PDB file of all heavy atoms in Angstrom:
ATOM      1  N   HIS A   1       0.843  -1.198   0.000  1.00  0.00           N
ATOM      2  CA  HIS A   1       0.000   0.000   0.000  1.00  0.00           C
ATOM      3  C   HIS A   1       0.882   1.253   0.000  1.00  0.00           C
ATOM      4  O   HIS A   1       1.900   1.311   0.698  1.00  0.00           O
ATOM      5  CB  HIS A   1      -0.906   0.004   1.235  1.00  0.00           C
ATOM      6  CG  HIS A   1      -2.068   0.926   1.113  1.00  0.00           C
ATOM      7  ND1 HIS A   1      -1.963   2.298   1.288  1.00  0.00           N
ATOM      8  CD2 HIS A   1      -3.378   0.685   0.818  1.00  0.00           C
ATOM      9  CE1 HIS A   1      -3.148   2.853   1.119  1.00  0.00           C
ATOM     10  NE2 HIS A   1      -4.022   1.903   0.840  1.00  0.00           N
ATOM     11  N   PRO A   2       0.517   2.275  -0.779  1.00  0.00           N
ATOM     12  CA  PRO A   2       1.313   3.517  -0.794  1.00  0.00           C
ATOM     13  C   PRO A   2       1.480   4.137   0.585  1.00  0.00           C
ATOM     14  O   PRO A   2       2.518   4.743   0.877  1.00  0.00           O
ATOM     15  CB  PRO A   2       0.503   4.429  -1.719  1.00  0.00           C
ATOM     16  CG  PRO A   2      -0.253   3.505  -2.614  1.00  0.00           C
ATOM     17  CD  PRO A   2      -0.578   2.304  -1.769  1.00  0.00           C
ATOM     18  N   TYR A   3       0.477   3.986   1.458  1.00  0.00           N
ATOM     19  CA  TYR A   3       0.590   4.543   2.804  1.00  0.00           C
ATOM     20  C   TYR A   3       1.642   3.794   3.612  1.00  0.00           C
ATOM     21  O   TYR A   3       2.455   4.409   4.326  1.00  0.00           O
ATOM     22  CB  TYR A   3      -0.762   4.479   3.510  1.00  0.00           C
ATOM     23  CG  TYR A   3      -0.720   4.960   4.945  1.00  0.00           C
ATOM     24  CD1 TYR A   3      -0.385   6.278   5.250  1.00  0.00           C
ATOM     25  CD2 TYR A   3      -1.011   4.093   5.999  1.00  0.00           C
ATOM     26  CE1 TYR A   3      -0.337   6.716   6.566  1.00  0.00           C
ATOM     27  CE2 TYR A   3      -0.972   4.530   7.314  1.00  0.00           C
ATOM     28  CZ  TYR A   3      -0.633   5.840   7.587  1.00  0.00           C
ATOM     29  OH  TYR A   3      -0.579   6.272   8.880  1.00  0.00           O
ATOM     30  N   THR A   4       1.662   2.459   3.514  1.00  0.00           N
ATOM     31  CA  THR A   4       2.680   1.670   4.212  1.00  0.00           C
ATOM     32  C   THR A   4       4.062   2.051   3.726  1.00  0.00           C
ATOM     33  O   THR A   4       5.004   2.193   4.525  1.00  0.00           O
ATOM     34  CB  THR A   4       2.449   0.165   3.980  1.00  0.00           C
ATOM     35  OG1 THR A   4       1.100  -0.174   4.305  1.00  0.00           O
ATOM     36  CG2 THR A   4       3.388  -0.673   4.827  1.00  0.00           C
ATOM     37  N   ARG A   5       4.210   2.259   2.428  1.00  0.00           N
ATOM     38  CA  ARG A   5       5.495   2.681   1.873  1.00  0.00           C
ATOM     39  C   ARG A   5       5.919   4.030   2.440  1.00  0.00           C
ATOM     40  O   ARG A   5       7.090   4.243   2.758  1.00  0.00           O
ATOM     41  CB  ARG A   5       5.408   2.759   0.353  1.00  0.00           C
ATOM     42  CG  ARG A   5       5.146   1.434  -0.325  1.00  0.00           C
ATOM     43  CD  ARG A   5       5.119   1.606  -1.818  1.00  0.00           C
ATOM     44  NE  ARG A   5       4.968   0.340  -2.506  1.00  0.00           N
ATOM     45  CZ  ARG A   5       5.255   0.152  -3.788  1.00  0.00           C
ATOM     46  NH1 ARG A   5       5.697   1.161  -4.511  1.00  0.00           N
ATOM     47  NH2 ARG A   5       5.081  -1.029  -4.347  1.00  0.00           N
ATOM     48  N   GLY A   6       4.949   4.925   2.556  1.00  0.00           N
ATOM     49  CA  GLY A   6       5.252   6.235   3.106  1.00  0.00           C
ATOM     50  C   GLY A   6       5.706   6.157   4.547  1.00  0.00           C
ATOM     51  O   GLY A   6       6.643   6.863   4.953  1.00  0.00           O
ATOM     52  N   LEU A   7       5.059   5.279   5.356  1.00  0.00           N
ATOM     53  CA  LEU A   7       5.465   5.108   6.746  1.00  0.00           C
ATOM     54  C   LEU A   7       6.882   4.552   6.848  1.00  0.00           C
ATOM     55  O   LEU A   7       7.693   5.015   7.657  1.00  0.00           O
ATOM     56  CB  LEU A   7       4.493   4.165   7.471  1.00  0.00           C
ATOM     57  CG  LEU A   7       3.082   4.677   7.760  1.00  0.00           C
ATOM     58  CD1 LEU A   7       2.278   3.588   8.452  1.00  0.00           C
ATOM     59  CD2 LEU A   7       3.120   5.930   8.627  1.00  0.00           C
ATOM     60  N   LEU A   8       7.189   3.561   6.022  1.00  0.00           N
ATOM     61  CA  LEU A   8       8.518   2.960   6.072  1.00  0.00           C
ATOM     62  C   LEU A   8       9.584   3.946   5.613  1.00  0.00           C
ATOM     63  O   LEU A   8      10.691   3.983   6.168  1.00  0.00           O
ATOM     64  CB  LEU A   8       8.550   1.704   5.203  1.00  0.00           C
ATOM     65  CG  LEU A   8       7.720   0.522   5.708  1.00  0.00           C
ATOM     66  CD1 LEU A   8       7.713  -0.611   4.693  1.00  0.00           C
ATOM     67  CD2 LEU A   8       8.265   0.028   7.030  1.00  0.00           C
ATOM     68  N   ALA A   9       9.261   4.754   4.613  1.00  0.00           N
ATOM     69  CA  ALA A   9      10.224   5.735   4.116  1.00  0.00           C
ATOM     70  C   ALA A   9      10.508   6.822   5.142  1.00  0.00           C
ATOM     71  O   ALA A   9      11.567   7.453   5.121  1.00  0.00           O
ATOM     72  CB  ALA A   9       9.709   6.363   2.824  1.00  0.00           C
ATOM     73  N   ALA A  10       9.546   7.050   6.057  1.00  0.00           N
ATOM     74  CA  ALA A  10       9.708   8.107   7.059  1.00  0.00           C
ATOM     75  C   ALA A  10      10.524   7.667   8.262  1.00  0.00           C
ATOM     76  O   ALA A  10      10.861   8.500   9.108  1.00  0.00           O
ATOM     77  CB  ALA A  10       8.330   8.586   7.517  1.00  0.00           C
ATOM     78  N   ILE A  11      10.860   6.366   8.351  1.00  0.00           N
ATOM     79  CA  ILE A  11      11.685   5.891   9.460  1.00  0.00           C
ATOM     80  C   ILE A  11      13.110   6.373   9.254  1.00  0.00           C
ATOM     81  O   ILE A  11      13.714   6.103   8.212  1.00  0.00           O
ATOM     82  CB  ILE A  11      11.654   4.354   9.556  1.00  0.00           C
ATOM     83  CG1 ILE A  11      10.235   3.854   9.834  1.00  0.00           C
ATOM     84  CG2 ILE A  11      12.599   3.862  10.645  1.00  0.00           C
ATOM     85  CD1 ILE A  11      10.109   2.345   9.836  1.00  0.00           C
ATOM     86  N   PRO A  12      13.679   7.107  10.192  1.00  0.00           N
ATOM     87  CA  PRO A  12      15.053   7.589  10.030  1.00  0.00           C
ATOM     88  C   PRO A  12      16.027   6.428   9.847  1.00  0.00           C
ATOM     89  O   PRO A  12      15.924   5.397  10.504  1.00  0.00           O
ATOM     90  CB  PRO A  12      15.328   8.332  11.348  1.00  0.00           C
ATOM     91  CG  PRO A  12      13.976   8.683  11.877  1.00  0.00           C
ATOM     92  CD  PRO A  12      13.077   7.564  11.459  1.00  0.00           C
ATOM     93  N   SER A  13      16.970   6.600   8.920  1.00  0.00           N
ATOM     94  CA  SER A  13      17.968   5.569   8.674  1.00  0.00           C
ATOM     95  C   SER A  13      19.245   6.212   8.150  1.00  0.00           C
ATOM     96  O   SER A  13      19.280   7.402   7.812  1.00  0.00           O
ATOM     97  CB  SER A  13      17.443   4.541   7.652  1.00  0.00           C
ATOM     98  OG  SER A  13      17.377   5.108   6.362  1.00  0.00           O
ATOM     99  N   LEU A  14      20.297   5.417   8.046  1.00  0.00           N
ATOM    100  CA  LEU A  14      21.574   5.914   7.532  1.00  0.00           C
ATOM    101  C   LEU A  14      21.486   6.259   6.055  1.00  0.00           C
ATOM    102  O   LEU A  14      22.347   6.951   5.521  1.00  0.00           O
ATOM    103  CB  LEU A  14      22.665   4.863   7.760  1.00  0.00           C
ATOM    104  CG  LEU A  14      22.993   4.560   9.241  1.00  0.00           C
ATOM    105  CD1 LEU A  14      24.016   3.434   9.336  1.00  0.00           C
ATOM    106  CD2 LEU A  14      23.487   5.801   9.953  1.00  0.00           C
ATOM    107  N   ALA A  15      20.438   5.757   5.367  1.00  0.00           N
ATOM    108  CA  ALA A  15      20.276   6.044   3.937  1.00  0.00           C
ATOM    109  C   ALA A  15      19.824   7.475   3.694  1.00  0.00           C
ATOM    110  O   ALA A  15      19.977   8.004   2.594  1.00  0.00           O
ATOM    111  CB  ALA A  15      19.277   5.064   3.316  1.00  0.00           C
ATOM    112  N   HIS A  16      19.246   8.113   4.719  1.00  0.00           N
ATOM    113  CA  HIS A  16      18.800   9.494   4.576  1.00  0.00           C
ATOM    114  C   HIS A  16      19.968  10.455   4.756  1.00  0.00           C
ATOM    115  O   HIS A  16      20.803  10.273   5.640  1.00  0.00           O
ATOM    116  CB  HIS A  16      17.715   9.822   5.614  1.00  0.00           C
ATOM    117  CG  HIS A  16      16.446   9.068   5.395  1.00  0.00           C
ATOM    118  ND1 HIS A  16      15.638   8.665   6.423  1.00  0.00           N
ATOM    119  CD2 HIS A  16      15.851   8.629   4.269  1.00  0.00           C
ATOM    120  CE1 HIS A  16      14.594   8.020   5.946  1.00  0.00           C
ATOM    121  NE2 HIS A  16      14.711   7.987   4.632  1.00  0.00           N
ATOM    122  N   LYS A  17      20.004  11.483   3.930  1.00  0.00           N
ATOM    123  CA  LYS A  17      21.010  12.514   4.112  1.00  0.00           C
ATOM    124  C   LYS A  17      20.706  13.298   5.377  1.00  0.00           C
ATOM    125  O   LYS A  17      19.558  13.427   5.787  1.00  0.00           O
ATOM    126  CB  LYS A  17      21.018  13.451   2.905  1.00  0.00           C
ATOM    127  CG  LYS A  17      21.463  12.788   1.608  1.00  0.00           C
ATOM    128  CD  LYS A  17      21.472  13.800   0.470  1.00  0.00           C
ATOM    129  CE  LYS A  17      21.927  13.142  -0.832  1.00  0.00           C
ATOM    130  NZ  LYS A  17      21.933  14.102  -1.966  1.00  0.00           N
ATOM    131  N   ARG A  18      21.747  13.821   5.974  1.00  0.00           N
ATOM    132  CA  ARG A  18      21.584  14.563   7.217  1.00  0.00           C
ATOM    133  C   ARG A  18      20.696  15.786   6.984  1.00  0.00           C
ATOM    134  O   ARG A  18      20.876  16.546   6.035  1.00  0.00           O
ATOM    135  CB  ARG A  18      22.946  15.004   7.744  1.00  0.00           C
ATOM    136  CG  ARG A  18      22.867  15.679   9.098  1.00  0.00           C
ATOM    137  CD  ARG A  18      24.250  15.941   9.655  1.00  0.00           C
ATOM    138  NE  ARG A  18      24.170  16.539  10.989  1.00  0.00           N
ATOM    139  CZ  ARG A  18      25.217  16.845  11.728  1.00  0.00           C
ATOM    140  NH1 ARG A  18      26.447  16.608  11.268  1.00  0.00           N
ATOM    141  NH2 ARG A  18      25.063  17.383  12.916  1.00  0.00           N
ATOM    142  N   GLY A  19      19.713  15.943   7.864  1.00  0.00           N
ATOM    143  CA  GLY A  19      18.804  17.076   7.749  1.00  0.00           C
ATOM    144  C   GLY A  19      17.576  16.794   6.915  1.00  0.00           C
ATOM    145  O   GLY A  19      16.651  17.605   6.889  1.00  0.00           O
ATOM    146  N   GLU A  20      17.548  15.636   6.239  1.00  0.00           N
ATOM    147  CA  GLU A  20      16.404  15.288   5.408  1.00  0.00           C
ATOM    148  C   GLU A  20      15.531  14.255   6.106  1.00  0.00           C
ATOM    149  O   GLU A  20      16.026  13.344   6.762  1.00  0.00           O
ATOM    150  CB  GLU A  20      16.854  14.733   4.051  1.00  0.00           C
ATOM    151  CG  GLU A  20      17.528  15.754   3.160  1.00  0.00           C
ATOM    152  CD  GLU A  20      17.838  15.178   1.789  1.00  0.00           C
ATOM    153  OE1 GLU A  20      17.560  13.971   1.584  1.00  0.00           O
ATOM    154  OE2 GLU A  20      18.348  15.916   0.946  1.00  0.00           O
ATOM    155  N   LEU A  21      14.232  14.394   5.956  1.00  0.00           N
ATOM    156  CA  LEU A  21      13.288  13.444   6.532  1.00  0.00           C
ATOM    157  C   LEU A  21      12.104  13.309   5.591  1.00  0.00           C
ATOM    158  O   LEU A  21      11.459  14.304   5.235  1.00  0.00           O
ATOM    159  CB  LEU A  21      12.808  13.908   7.902  1.00  0.00           C
ATOM    160  CG  LEU A  21      11.895  12.945   8.673  1.00  0.00           C
ATOM    161  CD1 LEU A  21      12.646  11.661   9.001  1.00  0.00           C
ATOM    162  CD2 LEU A  21      11.376  13.590   9.959  1.00  0.00           C
ATOM    163  N   ALA A  22      11.848  12.079   5.167  1.00  0.00           N
ATOM    164  CA  ALA A  22      10.730  11.834   4.255  1.00  0.00           C
ATOM    165  C   ALA A  22       9.414  12.079   4.970  1.00  0.00           C
ATOM    166  O   ALA A  22       9.278  11.808   6.167  1.00  0.00           O
ATOM    167  CB  ALA A  22      10.788  10.402   3.722  1.00  0.00           C
ATOM    168  N   ALA A  23       8.440  12.580   4.254  1.00  0.00           N
ATOM    169  CA  ALA A  23       7.121  12.858   4.828  1.00  0.00           C
ATOM    170  C   ALA A  23       6.052  12.566   3.790  1.00  0.00           C
ATOM    171  O   ALA A  23       6.306  12.615   2.587  1.00  0.00           O
ATOM    172  CB  ALA A  23       7.031  14.309   5.293  1.00  0.00           C
ATOM    173  N   ILE A  24       4.864  12.212   4.279  1.00  0.00           N
ATOM    174  CA  ILE A  24       3.725  11.993   3.399  1.00  0.00           C
ATOM    175  C   ILE A  24       3.005  13.328   3.231  1.00  0.00           C
ATOM    176  O   ILE A  24       2.548  13.922   4.214  1.00  0.00           O
ATOM    177  CB  ILE A  24       2.765  10.933   3.977  1.00  0.00           C
ATOM    178  CG1 ILE A  24       3.519   9.615   4.202  1.00  0.00           C
ATOM    179  CG2 ILE A  24       1.584  10.714   3.052  1.00  0.00           C
ATOM    180  CD1 ILE A  24       2.694   8.557   4.902  1.00  0.00           C
ATOM    181  N   GLU A  25       2.930  13.799   2.018  1.00  0.00           N
ATOM    182  CA  GLU A  25       2.312  15.095   1.762  1.00  0.00           C
ATOM    183  C   GLU A  25       0.812  15.056   2.070  1.00  0.00           C
ATOM    184  O   GLU A  25       0.171  14.009   1.995  1.00  0.00           O
ATOM    185  CB  GLU A  25       2.525  15.500   0.301  1.00  0.00           C
ATOM    186  CG  GLU A  25       3.987  15.662  -0.095  1.00  0.00           C
ATOM    187  CD  GLU A  25       4.654  16.817   0.622  1.00  0.00           C
ATOM    188  OE1 GLU A  25       3.945  17.775   1.002  1.00  0.00           O
ATOM    189  OE2 GLU A  25       5.882  16.761   0.823  1.00  0.00           O
ATOM    190  N   GLY A  26       0.255  16.233   2.393  1.00  0.00           N
ATOM    191  CA  GLY A  26      -1.184  16.335   2.627  1.00  0.00           C
ATOM    192  C   GLY A  26      -1.556  16.049   4.068  1.00  0.00           C
ATOM    193  O   GLY A  26      -0.713  15.877   4.942  1.00  0.00           O
ATOM    194  N   THR A  27      -2.856  15.974   4.306  1.00  0.00           N
ATOM    195  CA  THR A  27      -3.386  15.742   5.650  1.00  0.00           C
ATOM    196  C   THR A  27      -4.389  14.596   5.640  1.00  0.00           C
ATOM    197  O   THR A  27      -4.914  14.216   4.583  1.00  0.00           O
ATOM    198  CB  THR A  27      -4.086  17.009   6.187  1.00  0.00           C
ATOM    199  OG1 THR A  27      -5.146  17.368   5.294  1.00  0.00           O
ATOM    200  CG2 THR A  27      -3.104  18.166   6.308  1.00  0.00           C
TER     201      THR A  27
END
């Protein structure tokens, strides 16, 4: 599900550049 993907992408990890954090757009 796209929502599950969004949740997993938002988990901080070493793959993320410093200062960047994935977020699900909208409300």
